[in-house]
C-alpha atoms as a PDB file:
ATOM      1  CA  MET A   1     -10.723  -0.214  54.011  1.00  0.00           C
ATOM      2  CA  LYS A   2      -6.950  -0.188  54.317  1.00  0.00           C
ATOM      3  CA  ARG A   3      -5.409   2.382  56.587  1.00  0.00           C
ATOM      4  CA  ILE A   4      -2.042   3.020  58.119  1.00  0.00           C
ATOM      5  CA  LYS A   5      -1.313   3.212  61.759  1.00  0.00           C
ATOM      6  CA  THR A   6      -2.056   6.621  63.164  1.00  0.00           C
ATOM      7  CA  LEU A   7       0.914   8.963  62.738  1.00  0.00           C
ATOM      8  CA  THR A   8       2.597  10.929  65.475  1.00  0.00           C
ATOM      9  CA  LEU A   9       3.143  14.666  64.889  1.00  0.00           C
ATOM     10  CA  GLU A  10       6.837  13.949  64.250  1.00  0.00           C
ATOM     11  CA  GLU A  11       6.019  11.345  61.669  1.00  0.00           C
ATOM     12  CA  GLN A  12       3.521  13.695  59.982  1.00  0.00           C
ATOM     13  CA  GLN A  13       6.158  16.422  59.734  1.00  0.00           C
ATOM     14  CA  THR A  14       8.734  13.949  58.428  1.00  0.00           C
ATOM     15  CA  LEU A  15       6.425  12.694  55.689  1.00  0.00           C
ATOM     16  CA  LEU A  16       5.424  16.252  54.773  1.00  0.00           C
ATOM     17  CA  ASP A  17       9.078  17.357  54.485  1.00  0.00           C
ATOM     18  CA  ALA A  18       9.822  14.300  52.361  1.00  0.00           C
ATOM     19  CA  SER A  19       6.892  14.973  50.074  1.00  0.00           C
ATOM     20  CA  ARG A  20       8.171  18.479  49.504  1.00  0.00           C
ATOM     21  CA  TYR A  21      11.946  18.313  49.479  1.00  0.00           C
ATOM     22  CA  ALA A  22      13.136  14.694  48.694  1.00  0.00           C
ATOM     23  CA  PRO A  23      15.241  14.705  45.559  1.00  0.00           C
ATOM     24  CA  ASP A  24      13.589  11.595  44.137  1.00  0.00           C
ATOM     25  CA  SER A  25      10.100  12.205  42.635  1.00  0.00           C
ATOM     26  CA  ARG A  26       8.831   8.718  43.358  1.00  0.00           C
ATOM     27  CA  PHE A  27       9.896   8.941  46.976  1.00  0.00           C
ATOM     28  CA  ARG A  28       8.084  12.235  47.301  1.00  0.00           C
ATOM     29  CA  GLN A  29       5.017  10.707  45.806  1.00  0.00           C
ATOM     30  CA  ARG A  30       4.931   7.775  48.139  1.00  0.00           C
ATOM     31  CA  ALA A  31       5.497   9.949  51.234  1.00  0.00           C
ATOM     32  CA  HIS A  32       2.645  12.145  50.140  1.00  0.00           C
ATOM     33  CA  ALA A  33       0.335   9.175  49.724  1.00  0.00           C
ATOM     34  CA  VAL A  34       1.148   7.917  53.280  1.00  0.00           C
ATOM     35  CA  TYR A  35       0.558  11.493  54.698  1.00  0.00           C
ATOM     36  CA  LEU A  36      -2.844  11.708  52.911  1.00  0.00           C
ATOM     37  CA  SER A  37      -3.852   8.229  54.118  1.00  0.00           C
ATOM     38  CA  ASP A  38      -3.311   9.396  57.718  1.00  0.00           C
ATOM     39  CA  LYS A  39      -5.615  12.407  56.758  1.00  0.00           C
ATOM     40  CA  GLY A  40      -8.425   9.955  55.908  1.00  0.00           C
ATOM     41  CA  TYR A  41      -7.988   9.444  52.192  1.00  0.00           C
ATOM     42  CA  ARG A  42      -9.215   6.086  51.001  1.00  0.00           C
ATOM     43  CA  LEU A  43      -7.125   3.660  48.974  1.00  0.00           C
ATOM     44  CA  ASP A  44      -9.192   4.204  45.906  1.00  0.00           C
ATOM     45  CA  GLN A  45      -8.733   8.000  46.274  1.00  0.00           C
ATOM     46  CA  LEU A  46      -4.976   7.617  46.505  1.00  0.00           C
ATOM     47  CA  ALA A  47      -4.818   5.507  43.456  1.00  0.00           C
ATOM     48  CA  GLU A  48      -6.759   8.178  41.565  1.00  0.00           C
ATOM     49  CA  ILE A  49      -4.683  11.126  42.851  1.00  0.00           C
ATOM     50  CA  PHE A  50      -1.352   9.489  41.959  1.00  0.00           C
ATOM     51  CA  ALA A  51      -2.540   7.717  38.805  1.00  0.00           C
ATOM     52  CA  VAL A  52      -1.642   4.255  39.992  1.00  0.00           C
ATOM     53  CA  ASP A  53      -3.611   1.093  40.715  1.00  0.00           C
ATOM     54  CA  ARG A  54      -4.956   0.167  44.118  1.00  0.00           C
ATOM     55  CA  ASP A  55      -2.361  -2.618  44.573  1.00  0.00           C
ATOM     56  CA  THR A  56       0.475  -0.157  44.112  1.00  0.00           C
ATOM     57  CA  ALA A  57      -0.989   2.317  46.558  1.00  0.00           C
ATOM     58  CA  SER A  58      -1.642  -0.521  48.987  1.00  0.00           C
ATOM     59  CA  ALA A  59       2.091  -1.566  48.647  1.00  0.00           C
ATOM     60  CA  TRP A  60       3.219   1.858  49.644  1.00  0.00           C
ATOM     61  CA  LEU A  61       1.150   1.876  52.837  1.00  0.00           C
ATOM     62  CA  THR A  62       2.295  -1.621  53.788  1.00  0.00           C
ATOM     63  CA  ALA A  63       5.950  -0.586  53.138  1.00  0.00           C
ATOM     64  CA  TRP A  64       5.497   2.306  55.541  1.00  0.00           C
ATOM     65  CA  ASP A  65       3.849   0.228  58.215  1.00  0.00           C
ATOM     66  CA  THR A  66       6.460  -2.544  58.075  1.00  0.00           C
ATOM     67  CA  VAL A  67       9.731  -0.658  57.415  1.00  0.00           C
ATOM     68  CA  GLY A  68       9.022   3.020  57.911  1.00  0.00           C
ATOM     69  CA  LEU A  69      10.390   5.907  55.818  1.00  0.00           C
ATOM     70  CA  MET A  70      13.108   3.831  54.242  1.00  0.00           C
ATOM     71  CA  GLY A  71      10.497   1.420  52.829  1.00  0.00           C
ATOM     72  CA  LEU A  72       9.345   4.149  50.558  1.00  0.00           C
ATOM     73  CA  ARG A  73      12.635   4.395  48.754  1.00  0.00           C
ATOM     74  CA  ASP A  74      13.315   2.585  45.444  1.00  0.00           C
ATOM     75  CA  ARG A  75      15.362  -0.633  45.853  1.00  0.00           C
ATOM     76  CA  ALA A  76      18.543  -1.088  43.767  1.00  0.00           C
ATOM     77  CA  HIS A  77      17.809  -2.453  40.331  1.00  0.00           C
ATOM     78  CA  PRO A  78      20.476  -4.898  39.070  1.00  0.00           C
ATOM     79  CA  GLY A  79      21.636  -4.629  35.541  1.00  0.00           C
ATOM     80  CA  ARG A  80      24.701  -4.628  33.359  1.00  0.00           C
ATOM     81  CA  PRO A  81      27.214  -1.820  33.823  1.00  0.00           C
ATOM     82  CA  ARG A  82      27.083   1.311  31.745  1.00  0.00           C
ATOM     83  CA  ARG A  83      29.054   0.899  28.515  1.00  0.00           C
ATOM     84  CA  GLY A  84      30.407   4.471  28.429  1.00  0.00           C
ATOM     85  CA  THR A  85      32.427   6.151  31.171  1.00  0.00           C
ATOM     86  CA  GLU A  86      32.118   9.864  31.866  1.00  0.00           C
ATOM     87  CA  ALA A  87      35.255  10.466  29.782  1.00  0.00           C
ATOM     88  CA  ASP A  88      33.744   8.525  26.867  1.00  0.00           C
ATOM     89  CA  VAL A  89      30.556  10.607  26.912  1.00  0.00           C
ATOM     90  CA  ALA A  90      32.527  13.856  27.198  1.00  0.00           C
ATOM     91  CA  ALA A  91      34.523  12.830  24.138  1.00  0.00           C
ATOM     92  CA  LEU A  92      31.206  12.324  22.285  1.00  0.00           C
ATOM     93  CA  GLU A  93      30.104  15.717  23.347  1.00  0.00           C
ATOM     94  CA  ALA A  94      33.372  17.217  21.926  1.00  0.00           C
ATOM     95  CA  ASP A  95      32.607  15.515  18.642  1.00  0.00           C
ATOM     96  CA  LEU A  96      29.078  16.830  18.715  1.00  0.00           C
ATOM     97  CA  GLU A  97      30.258  20.426  19.170  1.00  0.00           C
ATOM     98  CA  LYS A  98      32.226  20.166  15.925  1.00  0.00           C
ATOM     99  CA  ALA A  99      29.330  18.586  13.890  1.00  0.00           C
ATOM    100  CA  PRO A 100      25.999  19.263  15.804  1.00  0.00           C
ATOM    101  CA  GLN A 101      23.844  18.082  12.917  1.00  0.00           C
ATOM    102  CA  HIS A 102      25.523  14.752  12.489  1.00  0.00           C
ATOM    103  CA  ALA A 103      24.860  12.729  15.726  1.00  0.00           C
ATOM    104  CA  GLN A 104      24.493   9.522  13.614  1.00  0.00           C
ATOM    105  CA  VAL A 105      28.265   9.299  13.425  1.00  0.00           C
ATOM    106  CA  LEU A 106      28.800   9.206  17.212  1.00  0.00           C
ATOM    107  CA  PRO A 107      28.217   5.517  17.724  1.00  0.00           C
ATOM    108  CA  VAL A 108      31.000   4.921  15.053  1.00  0.00           C
ATOM    109  CA  ARG A 109      33.351   7.329  16.872  1.00  0.00           C
ATOM    110  CA  PHE A 110      32.558   5.571  20.156  1.00  0.00           C
ATOM    111  CA  ARG A 111      33.368   2.096  18.718  1.00  0.00           C
ATOM    112  CA  GLU A 112      36.639   3.512  17.237  1.00  0.00           C
ATOM    113  CA  ARG A 113      37.706   4.882  20.731  1.00  0.00           C
ATOM    114  CA  THR A 114      36.497   2.040  23.004  1.00  0.00           C
ATOM    115  CA  GLY A 115      36.041  -1.056  20.836  1.00  0.00           C
ATOM    116  CA  LYS A 116      32.439  -1.295  22.179  1.00  0.00           C
ATOM    117  CA  SER A 117      29.289  -0.959  20.216  1.00  0.00           C
ATOM    118  CA  VAL A 118      26.354   1.231  21.316  1.00  0.00           C
ATOM    119  CA  SER A 119      23.115   2.108  19.530  1.00  0.00           C
ATOM    120  CA  SER A 120      22.037   5.557  18.400  1.00  0.00           C
ATOM    121  CA  ALA A 121      19.304   5.387  20.931  1.00  0.00           C
ATOM    122  CA  THR A 122      21.726   4.837  23.679  1.00  0.00           C
ATOM    123  CA  VAL A 123      23.811   7.853  22.500  1.00  0.00           C
ATOM    124  CA  ARG A 124      20.599  10.022  22.356  1.00  0.00           C
ATOM    125  CA  ARG A 125      19.834   9.035  25.975  1.00  0.00           C
ATOM    126  CA  TRP A 126      23.359   9.907  27.125  1.00  0.00           C
ATOM    127  CA  LEU A 127      23.088  13.293  25.357  1.00  0.00           C
ATOM    128  CA  LYS A 128      19.681  14.003  26.988  1.00  0.00           C
ATOM    129  CA  GLU A 129      21.056  13.102  30.391  1.00  0.00           C
ATOM    130  CA  ARG A 130      23.687  15.774  29.895  1.00  0.00           C
ATOM    131  CA  HIS A 131      20.947  18.344  28.902  1.00  0.00           C
ATOM    132  CA  TRP A 132      21.440  18.289  25.102  1.00  0.00           C
ATOM    133  CA  VAL A 133      18.286  18.781  22.988  1.00  0.00           C
ATOM    134  CA  TRP A 134      17.452  18.504  19.270  1.00  0.00           C
ATOM    135  CA  LYS A 135      15.884  21.740  18.160  1.00  0.00           C
ATOM    136  CA  ARG A 136      15.909  24.373  15.505  1.00  0.00           C
ATOM    137  CA  CYS A 137      18.870  26.609  15.064  1.00  0.00           C
ATOM    138  CA  ARG A 138      19.060  30.275  14.040  1.00  0.00           C
ATOM    139  CA  ARG A 139      20.990  31.578  11.138  1.00  0.00           C
ATOM    140  CA  SER A 140      24.176  33.521  11.935  1.00  0.00           C
ATOM    141  CA  VAL A 141      25.874  36.407  10.206  1.00  0.00           C
ATOM    142  CA  LYS A 142      29.613  36.464   9.641  1.00  0.00           C
ATOM    143  CA  ALA A 143      30.288  39.488  11.775  1.00  0.00           C
ATOM    144  CA  HIS A 144      28.283  41.922  13.978  1.00  0.00           C
ATOM    145  CA  CYS A 145      27.553  45.341  12.512  1.00  0.00           C
ATOM    146  CA  ASP A 146      28.983  48.547  13.857  1.00  0.00           C
ATOM    147  CA  PRO A 147      26.556  49.822  16.565  1.00  0.00           C
ATOM    148  CA  ALA A 148      26.936  53.433  15.425  1.00  0.00           C
ATOM    149  CA  LEU A 149      26.250  52.627  11.819  1.00  0.00           C
ATOM    150  CA  PHE A 150      23.340  50.481  12.881  1.00  0.00           C
ATOM    151  CA  GLU A 151      21.771  53.231  14.925  1.00  0.00           C
ATOM    152  CA  GLN A 152      22.261  55.717  12.032  1.00  0.00           C
ATOM    153  CA  GLY A 153      20.634  53.310   9.532  1.00  0.00           C
ATOM    154  CA  ARG A 154      17.729  52.756  11.998  1.00  0.00           C
ATOM    155  CA  ARG A 155      17.044  56.512  12.161  1.00  0.00           C
ATOM    156  CA  VAL A 156      17.203  56.890   8.427  1.00  0.00           C
ATOM    157  CA  LEU A 157      14.807  53.914   7.874  1.00  0.00           C
ATOM    158  CA  LYS A 158      12.410  55.394  10.421  1.00  0.00           C
ATOM    159  CA  ALA A 159      12.279  58.673   8.464  1.00  0.00           C
ATOM    160  CA  PHE A 160      11.612  56.794   5.273  1.00  0.00           C
ATOM    161  CA  GLN A 161       8.777  54.825   6.981  1.00  0.00           C
ATOM    162  CA  ASP A 162       7.249  58.144   8.250  1.00  0.00           C
ATOM    163  CA  GLN A 163       7.345  59.553   4.736  1.00  0.00           C
ATOM    164  CA  GLU A 164       5.692  56.407   3.485  1.00  0.00           C
ATOM    165  CA  ALA A 165       2.962  56.580   6.050  1.00  0.00           C
ATOM    166  CA  ASP A 166       2.319  60.260   4.900  1.00  0.00           C
ATOM    167  CA  GLY A 167       1.905  59.044   1.254  1.00  0.00           C
ATOM    168  CA  ASP A 168       5.051  61.079   0.128  1.00  0.00           C
ATOM    169  CA  ILE A 169       7.063  57.999  -1.072  1.00  0.00           C
ATOM    170  CA  GLU A 170       6.810  54.361  -1.938  1.00  0.00           C
ATOM    171  CA  LEU A 171       9.082  52.246   0.174  1.00  0.00           C
ATOM    172  CA  PHE A 172      10.346  48.882  -0.873  1.00  0.00           C
ATOM    173  CA  TYR A 173      12.841  46.380   0.643  1.00  0.00           C
ATOM    174  CA  LEU A 174      15.210  44.238  -1.577  1.00  0.00           C
ATOM    175  CA  ASP A 175      16.892  40.980  -0.877  1.00  0.00           C
ATOM    176  CA  GLU A 176      17.585  37.670  -2.469  1.00  0.00           C
ATOM    177  CA  SER A 177      16.315  34.218  -1.598  1.00  0.00           C
ATOM    178  CA  GLY A 178      16.265  30.716  -3.074  1.00  0.00           C
ATOM    179  CA  PHE A 179      13.794  28.029  -3.758  1.00  0.00           C
ATOM    180  CA  SER A 180      14.451  24.261  -3.732  1.00  0.00           C
ATOM    181  CA  SER A 181      12.400  21.090  -4.006  1.00  0.00           C
ATOM    182  CA  GLY A 182      14.650  19.670  -1.198  1.00  0.00           C
ATOM    183  CA  SER A 183      14.453  21.963   1.759  1.00  0.00           C
ATOM    184  CA  CYS A 184      17.094  22.081   4.477  1.00  0.00           C
ATOM    185  CA  VAL A 185      15.675  22.579   7.890  1.00  0.00           C
ATOM    186  CA  PRO A 186      18.505  23.777  10.262  1.00  0.00           C
ATOM    187  CA  TYR A 187      18.092  21.466  13.296  1.00  0.00           C
ATOM    188  CA  ALA A 188      20.952  20.387  15.416  1.00  0.00           C
ATOM    189  CA  TRP A 189      21.881  19.133  18.887  1.00  0.00           C
ATOM    190  CA  GLN A 190      22.492  21.949  21.409  1.00  0.00           C
ATOM    191  CA  LYS A 191      22.630  22.434  25.153  1.00  0.00           C
ATOM    192  CA  GLN A 192      19.355  23.310  26.913  1.00  0.00           C
ATOM    193  CA  GLY A 193      18.834  26.987  27.317  1.00  0.00           C
ATOM    194  CA  SER A 194      21.020  27.873  24.353  1.00  0.00           C
ATOM    195  CA  THR A 195      20.409  28.463  20.661  1.00  0.00           C
ATOM    196  CA  ARG A 196      23.067  27.416  18.218  1.00  0.00           C
ATOM    197  CA  ALA A 197      23.769  29.624  15.192  1.00  0.00           C
ATOM    198  CA  LEU A 198      24.595  27.872  11.849  1.00  0.00           C
ATOM    199  CA  PRO A 199      25.937  29.716   8.819  1.00  0.00           C
ATOM    200  CA  ALA A 200      23.210  30.925   6.521  1.00  0.00           C
ATOM    201  CA  ASN A 201      22.904  29.124   3.238  1.00  0.00           C
ATOM    202  CA  VAL A 202      20.165  29.555   0.615  1.00  0.00           C
ATOM    203  CA  PRO A 203      20.237  26.719  -1.956  1.00  0.00           C
ATOM    204  CA  GLY A 204      18.151  26.321  -5.050  1.00  0.00           C
ATOM    205  CA  VAL A 205      16.951  28.737  -7.701  1.00  0.00           C
ATOM    206  CA  PRO A 206      17.827  32.276  -6.742  1.00  0.00           C
ATOM    207  CA  VAL A 207      15.287  35.089  -6.811  1.00  0.00           C
ATOM    208  CA  ILE A 208      15.772  38.873  -6.339  1.00  0.00           C
ATOM    209  CA  GLY A 209      12.711  40.222  -4.638  1.00  0.00           C
ATOM    210  CA  LEU A 210      11.398  43.702  -3.632  1.00  0.00           C
ATOM    211  CA  MET A 211       8.403  44.069  -1.329  1.00  0.00           C
ATOM    212  CA  ASN A 212       6.717  46.766   0.720  1.00  0.00           C
ATOM    213  CA  ARG A 213       5.064  46.554   3.976  1.00  0.00           C
ATOM    214  CA  GLN A 214       1.586  46.364   2.418  1.00  0.00           C
ATOM    215  CA  GLY A 215       2.595  43.140   0.657  1.00  0.00           C
ATOM    216  CA  THR A 216       3.049  44.436  -2.841  1.00  0.00           C
ATOM    217  CA  GLY A 217       5.972  42.613  -4.386  1.00  0.00           C
ATOM    218  CA  TYR A 218       8.185  42.363  -7.495  1.00  0.00           C
ATOM    219  CA  PHE A 219      10.284  39.267  -8.081  1.00  0.00           C
ATOM    220  CA  TYR A 220      13.117  38.714 -10.611  1.00  0.00           C
ATOM    221  CA  PRO A 221      14.230  35.026 -11.020  1.00  0.00           C
ATOM    222  CA  VAL A 222      17.818  34.422 -11.847  1.00  0.00           C
ATOM    223  CA  GLU A 223      19.154  31.501 -13.821  1.00  0.00           C
ATOM    224  CA  THR A 224      22.763  31.844 -12.619  1.00  0.00           C
ATOM    225  CA  THR A 225      24.539  33.182  -9.483  1.00  0.00           C
ATOM    226  CA  VAL A 226      23.316  36.504  -8.204  1.00  0.00           C
ATOM    227  CA  THR A 227      25.934  39.265  -8.918  1.00  0.00           C
ATOM    228  CA  SER A 228      25.934  43.040  -9.013  1.00  0.00           C
ATOM    229  CA  ALA A 229      24.996  42.889 -12.644  1.00  0.00           C
ATOM    230  CA  THR A 230      21.938  40.873 -11.989  1.00  0.00           C
ATOM    231  CA  VAL A 231      20.864  43.126  -9.189  1.00  0.00           C
ATOM    232  CA  ALA A 232      21.253  46.061 -11.590  1.00  0.00           C
ATOM    233  CA  GLU A 233      19.149  44.252 -14.129  1.00  0.00           C
ATOM    234  CA  ALA A 234      16.408  43.618 -11.579  1.00  0.00           C
ATOM    235  CA  MET A 235      16.531  47.168 -10.473  1.00  0.00           C
ATOM    236  CA  ALA A 236      16.131  48.443 -14.064  1.00  0.00           C
ATOM    237  CA  GLU A 237      13.005  46.341 -14.712  1.00  0.00           C
ATOM    238  CA  PHE A 238      11.612  47.248 -11.304  1.00  0.00           C
ATOM    239  CA  ILE A 239      12.095  50.977 -12.090  1.00  0.00           C
ATOM    240  CA  GLN A 240      10.178  50.616 -15.276  1.00  0.00           C
ATOM    241  CA  SER A 241       7.175  49.075 -13.462  1.00  0.00           C
ATOM    242  CA  ARG A 242       6.952  52.087 -10.969  1.00  0.00           C
ATOM    243  CA  PRO A 243       4.756  55.151 -11.515  1.00  0.00           C
ATOM    244  CA  ALA A 244       6.727  58.290 -12.391  1.00  0.00           C
ATOM    245  CA  GLU A 245       4.663  60.686 -10.318  1.00  0.00           C
ATOM    246  CA  LYS A 246       5.846  59.389  -6.891  1.00  0.00           C
ATOM    247  CA  LEU A 247       9.396  58.820  -5.542  1.00  0.00           C
ATOM    248  CA  THR A 248      10.240  55.169  -4.888  1.00  0.00           C
ATOM    249  CA  VAL A 249      12.910  54.308  -2.276  1.00  0.00           C
ATOM    250  CA  VAL A 250      14.505  50.875  -2.218  1.00  0.00           C
ATOM    251  CA  VAL A 251      16.204  49.721   0.973  1.00  0.00           C
ATOM    252  CA  MET A 252      19.059  47.193   0.674  1.00  0.00           C
ATOM    253  CA  ASP A 253      21.414  45.636   3.205  1.00  0.00           C
ATOM    254  CA  ASN A 254      25.165  45.979   2.968  1.00  0.00           C
ATOM    255  CA  ALA A 255      25.886  42.889   0.857  1.00  0.00           C
ATOM    256  CA  PRO A 256      28.881  43.645  -1.445  1.00  0.00           C
ATOM    257  CA  LEU A 257      26.890  42.903  -4.631  1.00  0.00           C
ATOM    258  CA  HIS A 258      24.359  45.581  -3.590  1.00  0.00           C
END
């Protein structure tokens, strides 16, 4: 059974500190393995704990016995120099800010600037190194609403919802949407920890819909662009479908056509 030489108290503390605070994860792993070996862990146990084979774990212990702590560090790996400088990658980031959904053009822009060719995979790796991620965006509105008007509308809507709960009124919500056989999923590159907002766009066949909180709905398909006239037509047909003995309230947002 392979074991390392007995560690001094100073060596134990050094390895323990390295396993906790060293910046490189592989160095922390190797220091921890040497520390556990001194505590009586067998080679097969170390291999299982760190998910490596026995030869790898054995090489860590040998490196400690022959070189010491520095033997646990990664050796320099030779290879060709990086194609893009920091300035080149920063320029790609600026391009991406302007068109976050079109990273496929970045290799072309890089070749135009530097005369060098890079693959899309290399560009993606550079972006990930600088904490860019590809994820879903949220839809944005053109302008934020007035806080006072928003609070006033919230109070009015709450009053309507209370009346609906008491059975005094029927409460419906109106909006437009669109349906298309080719959906557009709003994904784009963005920095980790942030969510990019893209302009809302509803392509396809427009539909005016009214729905209540119980799931009852009324839908009015439109063959052309939705205008104030088509909203009025949809409302006229909706009114005809409602019972006359109870008041129906329709809530709309502040779109100009409403």
